[in-house]
Amino acid sequence: MNTEWTADYKSTGIAGIICTAKDNSEIELFFPAAGDCYNGNLDNVGSYGIYWNSSLLTFNILSAYSLLLSNDSVTW
């Protein structure tokens, strides 16, 4: 999978990461940089995003897999 940061996805004004298939750049998935919420405050909209998966970590059942994204990195 290839990833690319965009500050303006398809002229919508929404920043985030575009993921494309290595063998077909026509296939894409977009993750908006929706920010994060901590103690009821929404922060970092447009520069950061976190997406939680429903699969629990096998070594810590209090946590789940996640995708973290920013304008300089993508971490699974």
PDB file of N, CA and C in Angstrom:
ATOM      1  N   MET A   1       0.836  -1.165   0.000  1.00  0.00           N
ATOM      2  CA  MET A   1       0.000   0.000   0.000  1.00  0.00           C
ATOM      3  C   MET A   1       0.889   1.239   0.000  1.00  0.00           C
ATOM      4  N   ASN A   2       0.507   2.214  -0.776  1.00  0.00           N
ATOM      5  CA  ASN A   2       1.185   3.502  -0.806  1.00  0.00           C
ATOM      6  C   ASN A   2       0.341   4.510  -0.028  1.00  0.00           C
ATOM      7  N   THR A   3       1.013   5.429   0.667  1.00  0.00           N
ATOM      8  CA  THR A   3       0.296   6.471   1.400  1.00  0.00           C
ATOM      9  C   THR A   3       0.829   7.842   0.996  1.00  0.00           C
ATOM     10  N   GLU A   4      -0.078   8.813   0.990  1.00  0.00           N
ATOM     11  CA  GLU A   4       0.297  10.188   0.636  1.00  0.00           C
ATOM     12  C   GLU A   4      -0.571  11.148   1.436  1.00  0.00           C
ATOM     13  N   TRP A   5       0.063  12.141   2.018  1.00  0.00           N
ATOM     14  CA  TRP A   5      -0.669  13.179   2.749  1.00  0.00           C
ATOM     15  C   TRP A   5      -1.222  14.182   1.758  1.00  0.00           C
ATOM     16  N   THR A   6      -2.437  14.630   1.986  1.00  0.00           N
ATOM     17  CA  THR A   6      -3.011  15.707   1.186  1.00  0.00           C
ATOM     18  C   THR A   6      -3.636  16.738   2.124  1.00  0.00           C
ATOM     19  N   ALA A   7      -3.472  17.988   1.795  1.00  0.00           N
ATOM     20  CA  ALA A   7      -4.070  19.061   2.594  1.00  0.00           C
ATOM     21  C   ALA A   7      -5.469  19.416   2.083  1.00  0.00           C
ATOM     22  N   ASP A   8      -5.817  18.905   0.893  1.00  0.00           N
ATOM     23  CA  ASP A   8      -7.091  19.263   0.269  1.00  0.00           C
ATOM     24  C   ASP A   8      -7.578  18.102  -0.589  1.00  0.00           C
ATOM     25  N   TYR A   9      -8.196  17.129   0.033  1.00  0.00           N
ATOM     26  CA  TYR A   9      -8.644  15.934  -0.685  1.00  0.00           C
ATOM     27  C   TYR A   9      -9.752  16.267  -1.680  1.00  0.00           C
ATOM     28  N   LYS A  10      -9.452  16.066  -2.949  1.00  0.00           N
ATOM     29  CA  LYS A  10     -10.401  16.279  -4.052  1.00  0.00           C
ATOM     30  C   LYS A  10     -11.159  17.601  -3.934  1.00  0.00           C
ATOM     31  N   SER A  11     -10.422  18.653  -3.591  1.00  0.00           N
ATOM     32  CA  SER A  11     -10.951  20.022  -3.487  1.00  0.00           C
ATOM     33  C   SER A  11     -12.065  20.169  -2.445  1.00  0.00           C
ATOM     34  N   THR A  12     -11.998  19.368  -1.380  1.00  0.00           N
ATOM     35  CA  THR A  12     -13.002  19.460  -0.315  1.00  0.00           C
ATOM     36  C   THR A  12     -12.524  20.314   0.849  1.00  0.00           C
ATOM     37  N   GLY A  13     -11.210  20.628   0.873  1.00  0.00           N
ATOM     38  CA  GLY A  13     -10.642  21.360   1.990  1.00  0.00           C
ATOM     39  C   GLY A  13     -10.323  20.482   3.185  1.00  0.00           C
ATOM     40  N   ILE A  14     -10.465  19.163   3.025  1.00  0.00           N
ATOM     41  CA  ILE A  14     -10.227  18.217   4.115  1.00  0.00           C
ATOM     42  C   ILE A  14      -8.849  17.591   3.957  1.00  0.00           C
ATOM     43  N   ALA A  15      -8.047  17.662   5.020  1.00  0.00           N
ATOM     44  CA  ALA A  15      -6.704  17.085   5.013  1.00  0.00           C
ATOM     45  C   ALA A  15      -6.763  15.640   5.504  1.00  0.00           C
ATOM     46  N   GLY A  16      -5.785  14.844   5.063  1.00  0.00           N
ATOM     47  CA  GLY A  16      -5.708  13.465   5.533  1.00  0.00           C
ATOM     48  C   GLY A  16      -4.759  12.632   4.691  1.00  0.00           C
ATOM     49  N   ILE A  17      -4.838  11.340   4.875  1.00  0.00           N
ATOM     50  CA  ILE A  17      -3.972  10.384   4.186  1.00  0.00           C
ATOM     51  C   ILE A  17      -4.763   9.643   3.113  1.00  0.00           C
ATOM     52  N   ILE A  18      -4.192   9.582   1.915  1.00  0.00           N
ATOM     53  CA  ILE A  18      -4.754   8.778   0.830  1.00  0.00           C
ATOM     54  C   ILE A  18      -3.932   7.501   0.756  1.00  0.00           C
ATOM     55  N   CYS A  19      -4.593   6.360   0.866  1.00  0.00           N
ATOM     56  CA  CYS A  19      -3.943   5.063   0.734  1.00  0.00           C
ATOM     57  C   CYS A  19      -4.348   4.483  -0.614  1.00  0.00           C
ATOM     58  N   THR A  20      -3.368   4.054  -1.397  1.00  0.00           N
ATOM     59  CA  THR A  20      -3.654   3.458  -2.699  1.00  0.00           C
ATOM     60  C   THR A  20      -2.999   2.087  -2.788  1.00  0.00           C
ATOM     61  N   ALA A  21      -3.591   1.224  -3.597  1.00  0.00           N
ATOM     62  CA  ALA A  21      -3.040  -0.104  -3.823  1.00  0.00           C
ATOM     63  C   ALA A  21      -1.737   0.019  -4.603  1.00  0.00           C
ATOM     64  N   LYS A  22      -0.753  -0.826  -4.274  1.00  0.00           N
ATOM     65  CA  LYS A  22       0.542  -0.767  -4.971  1.00  0.00           C
ATOM     66  C   LYS A  22       0.410  -1.089  -6.448  1.00  0.00           C
ATOM     67  N   ASP A  23      -0.514  -1.974  -6.780  1.00  0.00           N
ATOM     68  CA  ASP A  23      -0.630  -2.410  -8.177  1.00  0.00           C
ATOM     69  C   ASP A  23      -1.729  -1.693  -8.959  1.00  0.00           C
ATOM     70  N   ASN A  24      -2.480  -0.795  -8.289  1.00  0.00           N
ATOM     71  CA  ASN A  24      -3.548  -0.086  -8.982  1.00  0.00           C
ATOM     72  C   ASN A  24      -3.849   1.217  -8.243  1.00  0.00           C
ATOM     73  N   SER A  25      -3.308   2.313  -8.723  1.00  0.00           N
ATOM     74  CA  SER A  25      -3.490   3.598  -8.039  1.00  0.00           C
ATOM     75  C   SER A  25      -4.921   4.124  -8.144  1.00  0.00           C
ATOM     76  N   GLU A  26      -5.767   3.468  -8.935  1.00  0.00           N
ATOM     77  CA  GLU A  26      -7.179   3.857  -9.040  1.00  0.00           C
ATOM     78  C   GLU A  26      -7.954   3.463  -7.784  1.00  0.00           C
ATOM     79  N   ILE A  27      -7.437   2.470  -7.052  1.00  0.00           N
ATOM     80  CA  ILE A  27      -8.105   1.998  -5.836  1.00  0.00           C
ATOM     81  C   ILE A  27      -7.536   2.783  -4.663  1.00  0.00           C
ATOM     82  N   GLU A  28      -8.395   3.537  -3.967  1.00  0.00           N
ATOM     83  CA  GLU A  28      -7.906   4.344  -2.856  1.00  0.00           C
ATOM     84  C   GLU A  28      -8.874   4.336  -1.680  1.00  0.00           C
ATOM     85  N   LEU A  29      -8.305   4.630  -0.540  1.00  0.00           N
ATOM     86  CA  LEU A  29      -9.049   4.757   0.701  1.00  0.00           C
ATOM     87  C   LEU A  29      -8.538   6.030   1.366  1.00  0.00           C
ATOM     88  N   PHE A  30      -9.446   6.884   1.814  1.00  0.00           N
ATOM     89  CA  PHE A  30      -9.063   8.161   2.401  1.00  0.00           C
ATOM     90  C   PHE A  30      -9.404   8.177   3.886  1.00  0.00           C
ATOM     91  N   PHE A  31      -8.425   8.588   4.707  1.00  0.00           N
ATOM     92  CA  PHE A  31      -8.615   8.756   6.138  1.00  0.00           C
ATOM     93  C   PHE A  31      -8.459  10.238   6.478  1.00  0.00           C
ATOM     94  N   PRO A  32      -9.541  10.921   6.811  1.00  0.00           N
ATOM     95  CA  PRO A  32      -9.437  12.335   7.171  1.00  0.00           C
ATOM     96  C   PRO A  32      -8.632  12.540   8.455  1.00  0.00           C
ATOM     97  N   ALA A  33      -7.915  13.636   8.519  1.00  0.00           N
ATOM     98  CA  ALA A  33      -7.204  14.022   9.742  1.00  0.00           C
ATOM     99  C   ALA A  33      -8.238  14.678  10.652  1.00  0.00           C
ATOM    100  N   ALA A  34      -9.004  13.840  11.316  1.00  0.00           N
ATOM    101  CA  ALA A  34     -10.155  14.298  12.094  1.00  0.00           C
ATOM    102  C   ALA A  34      -9.778  14.817  13.474  1.00  0.00           C
ATOM    103  N   GLY A  35      -8.495  14.742  13.814  1.00  0.00           N
ATOM    104  CA  GLY A  35      -8.053  15.216  15.119  1.00  0.00           C
ATOM    105  C   GLY A  35      -8.179  14.145  16.179  1.00  0.00           C
ATOM    106  N   ASP A  36      -8.132  14.559  17.426  1.00  0.00           N
ATOM    107  CA  ASP A  36      -8.267  13.638  18.538  1.00  0.00           C
ATOM    108  C   ASP A  36      -9.074  14.320  19.644  1.00  0.00           C
ATOM    109  N   CYS A  37      -9.639  13.512  20.488  1.00  0.00           N
ATOM    110  CA  CYS A  37     -10.443  14.029  21.589  1.00  0.00           C
ATOM    111  C   CYS A  37      -9.825  13.565  22.899  1.00  0.00           C
ATOM    112  N   TYR A  38      -9.515  14.518  23.754  1.00  0.00           N
ATOM    113  CA  TYR A  38      -8.933  14.200  25.055  1.00  0.00           C
ATOM    114  C   TYR A  38      -9.607  15.069  26.100  1.00  0.00           C
ATOM    115  N   ASN A  39     -10.142  14.435  27.120  1.00  0.00           N
ATOM    116  CA  ASN A  39     -10.868  15.147  28.182  1.00  0.00           C
ATOM    117  C   ASN A  39     -11.983  16.036  27.628  1.00  0.00           C
ATOM    118  N   GLY A  40     -12.635  15.561  26.577  1.00  0.00           N
ATOM    119  CA  GLY A  40     -13.751  16.296  26.002  1.00  0.00           C
ATOM    120  C   GLY A  40     -13.376  17.399  25.049  1.00  0.00           C
ATOM    121  N   ASN A  41     -12.085  17.599  24.797  1.00  0.00           N
ATOM    122  CA  ASN A  41     -11.631  18.649  23.882  1.00  0.00           C
ATOM    123  C   ASN A  41     -11.184  18.048  22.556  1.00  0.00           C
ATOM    124  N   LEU A  42     -11.642  18.619  21.459  1.00  0.00           N
ATOM    125  CA  LEU A  42     -11.228  18.199  20.127  1.00  0.00           C
ATOM    126  C   LEU A  42     -10.030  19.043  19.709  1.00  0.00           C
ATOM    127  N   ASP A  43      -8.923  18.363  19.393  1.00  0.00           N
ATOM    128  CA  ASP A  43      -7.686  19.053  19.033  1.00  0.00           C
ATOM    129  C   ASP A  43      -7.120  18.492  17.730  1.00  0.00           C
ATOM    130  N   ASN A  44      -6.225  19.217  17.132  1.00  0.00           N
ATOM    131  CA  ASN A  44      -5.411  18.781  15.996  1.00  0.00           C
ATOM    132  C   ASN A  44      -6.199  18.424  14.732  1.00  0.00           C
ATOM    133  N   VAL A  45      -7.390  18.966  14.563  1.00  0.00           N
ATOM    134  CA  VAL A  45      -8.167  18.717  13.351  1.00  0.00           C
ATOM    135  C   VAL A  45      -7.396  19.263  12.153  1.00  0.00           C
ATOM    136  N   GLY A  46      -7.257  18.454  11.139  1.00  0.00           N
ATOM    137  CA  GLY A  46      -6.540  18.858   9.933  1.00  0.00           C
ATOM    138  C   GLY A  46      -5.069  18.526   9.938  1.00  0.00           C
ATOM    139  N   SER A  47      -4.535  18.089  11.087  1.00  0.00           N
ATOM    140  CA  SER A  47      -3.103  17.742  11.126  1.00  0.00           C
ATOM    141  C   SER A  47      -2.835  16.382  11.740  1.00  0.00           C
ATOM    142  N   TYR A  48      -3.848  15.743  12.325  1.00  0.00           N
ATOM    143  CA  TYR A  48      -3.634  14.477  13.024  1.00  0.00           C
ATOM    144  C   TYR A  48      -4.941  13.691  13.037  1.00  0.00           C
ATOM    145  N   GLY A  49      -4.824  12.375  13.079  1.00  0.00           N
ATOM    146  CA  GLY A  49      -6.010  11.536  13.197  1.00  0.00           C
ATOM    147  C   GLY A  49      -5.666  10.216  13.843  1.00  0.00           C
ATOM    148  N   ILE A  50      -6.628   9.625  14.516  1.00  0.00           N
ATOM    149  CA  ILE A  50      -6.446   8.307  15.118  1.00  0.00           C
ATOM    150  C   ILE A  50      -7.719   7.509  14.866  1.00  0.00           C
ATOM    151  N   TYR A  51      -7.536   6.302  14.390  1.00  0.00           N
ATOM    152  CA  TYR A  51      -8.649   5.405  14.098  1.00  0.00           C
ATOM    153  C   TYR A  51      -8.433   4.108  14.848  1.00  0.00           C
ATOM    154  N   TRP A  52      -9.435   3.716  15.640  1.00  0.00           N
ATOM    155  CA  TRP A  52      -9.341   2.490  16.429  1.00  0.00           C
ATOM    156  C   TRP A  52     -10.001   1.347  15.688  1.00  0.00           C
ATOM    157  N   ASN A  53      -9.403   0.169  15.807  1.00  0.00           N
ATOM    158  CA  ASN A  53      -9.917  -1.058  15.227  1.00  0.00           C
ATOM    159  C   ASN A  53     -10.689  -1.803  16.303  1.00  0.00           C
ATOM    160  N   SER A  54     -11.601  -2.653  15.922  1.00  0.00           N
ATOM    161  CA  SER A  54     -12.375  -3.412  16.908  1.00  0.00           C
ATOM    162  C   SER A  54     -11.635  -4.648  17.419  1.00  0.00           C
ATOM    163  N   SER A  55     -10.465  -4.954  16.844  1.00  0.00           N
ATOM    164  CA  SER A  55      -9.696  -6.124  17.279  1.00  0.00           C
ATOM    165  C   SER A  55      -8.822  -5.770  18.482  1.00  0.00           C
ATOM    166  N   LEU A  56      -8.992  -6.514  19.561  1.00  0.00           N
ATOM    167  CA  LEU A  56      -8.192  -6.283  20.759  1.00  0.00           C
ATOM    168  C   LEU A  56      -6.770  -6.771  20.556  1.00  0.00           C
ATOM    169  N   LEU A  57      -5.839  -6.106  21.219  1.00  0.00           N
ATOM    170  CA  LEU A  57      -4.456  -6.574  21.213  1.00  0.00           C
ATOM    171  C   LEU A  57      -4.393  -7.883  21.997  1.00  0.00           C
ATOM    172  N   THR A  58      -3.657  -8.844  21.509  1.00  0.00           N
ATOM    173  CA  THR A  58      -3.575 -10.131  22.197  1.00  0.00           C
ATOM    174  C   THR A  58      -2.792 -10.032  23.497  1.00  0.00           C
ATOM    175  N   PHE A  59      -1.863  -9.079  23.597  1.00  0.00           N
ATOM    176  CA  PHE A  59      -1.046  -8.956  24.799  1.00  0.00           C
ATOM    177  C   PHE A  59      -1.611  -7.944  25.797  1.00  0.00           C
ATOM    178  N   ASN A  60      -2.691  -7.236  25.421  1.00  0.00           N
ATOM    179  CA  ASN A  60      -3.311  -6.276  26.329  1.00  0.00           C
ATOM    180  C   ASN A  60      -4.765  -6.089  25.925  1.00  0.00           C
ATOM    181  N   ILE A  61      -5.664  -6.811  26.557  1.00  0.00           N
ATOM    182  CA  ILE A  61      -7.066  -6.786  26.139  1.00  0.00           C
ATOM    183  C   ILE A  61      -7.775  -5.470  26.474  1.00  0.00           C
ATOM    184  N   LEU A  62      -7.082  -4.554  27.121  1.00  0.00           N
ATOM    185  CA  LEU A  62      -7.657  -3.238  27.387  1.00  0.00           C
ATOM    186  C   LEU A  62      -7.380  -2.250  26.256  1.00  0.00           C
ATOM    187  N   SER A  63      -6.654  -2.706  25.230  1.00  0.00           N
ATOM    188  CA  SER A  63      -6.304  -1.850  24.095  1.00  0.00           C
ATOM    189  C   SER A  63      -6.697  -2.526  22.786  1.00  0.00           C
ATOM    190  N   ALA A  64      -6.798  -1.727  21.738  1.00  0.00           N
ATOM    191  CA  ALA A  64      -7.125  -2.247  20.409  1.00  0.00           C
ATOM    192  C   ALA A  64      -6.087  -1.751  19.417  1.00  0.00           C
ATOM    193  N   TYR A  65      -6.061  -2.388  18.262  1.00  0.00           N
ATOM    194  CA  TYR A  65      -5.183  -1.920  17.194  1.00  0.00           C
ATOM    195  C   TYR A  65      -5.669  -0.552  16.722  1.00  0.00           C
ATOM    196  N   SER A  66      -4.745   0.264  16.247  1.00  0.00           N
ATOM    197  CA  SER A  66      -5.127   1.599  15.803  1.00  0.00           C
ATOM    198  C   SER A  66      -4.269   2.057  14.635  1.00  0.00           C
ATOM    199  N   LEU A  67      -4.756   3.067  13.946  1.00  0.00           N
ATOM    200  CA  LEU A  67      -4.045   3.735  12.864  1.00  0.00           C
ATOM    201  C   LEU A  67      -3.867   5.180  13.306  1.00  0.00           C
ATOM    202  N   LEU A  68      -2.623   5.629  13.356  1.00  0.00           N
ATOM    203  CA  LEU A  68      -2.301   7.016  13.705  1.00  0.00           C
ATOM    204  C   LEU A  68      -1.761   7.687  12.460  1.00  0.00           C
ATOM    205  N   LEU A  69      -2.255   8.867  12.151  1.00  0.00           N
ATOM    206  CA  LEU A  69      -1.768   9.560  10.952  1.00  0.00           C
ATOM    207  C   LEU A  69      -1.534  11.027  11.217  1.00  0.00           C
ATOM    208  N   SER A  70      -0.540  11.543  10.531  1.00  0.00           N
ATOM    209  CA  SER A  70      -0.244  12.979  10.563  1.00  0.00           C
ATOM    210  C   SER A  70       0.375  13.344   9.226  1.00  0.00           C
ATOM    211  N   ASN A  71       0.721  14.605   9.068  1.00  0.00           N
ATOM    212  CA  ASN A  71       1.279  15.038   7.785  1.00  0.00           C
ATOM    213  C   ASN A  71       2.681  14.489   7.531  1.00  0.00           C
ATOM    214  N   ASP A  72       3.320  13.881   8.538  1.00  0.00           N
ATOM    215  CA  ASP A  72       4.662  13.336   8.309  1.00  0.00           C
ATOM    216  C   ASP A  72       4.791  11.843   8.609  1.00  0.00           C
ATOM    217  N   SER A  73       3.704  11.161   9.012  1.00  0.00           N
ATOM    218  CA  SER A  73       3.833   9.734   9.278  1.00  0.00           C
ATOM    219  C   SER A  73       2.493   9.022   9.322  1.00  0.00           C
ATOM    220  N   VAL A  74       2.553   7.723   9.085  1.00  0.00           N
ATOM    221  CA  VAL A  74       1.414   6.824   9.249  1.00  0.00           C
ATOM    222  C   VAL A  74       1.917   5.640  10.058  1.00  0.00           C
ATOM    223  N   THR A  75       1.266   5.357  11.170  1.00  0.00           N
ATOM    224  CA  THR A  75       1.681   4.256  12.033  1.00  0.00           C
ATOM    225  C   THR A  75       0.498   3.331  12.238  1.00  0.00           C
ATOM    226  N   TRP A  76       0.719   2.049  12.004  1.00  0.00           N
ATOM    227  CA  TRP A  76      -0.341   1.045  12.185  1.00  0.00           C
ATOM    228  C   TRP A  76      -0.219   0.448  13.556  1.00  0.00           C
TER     229      TRP A  76
END
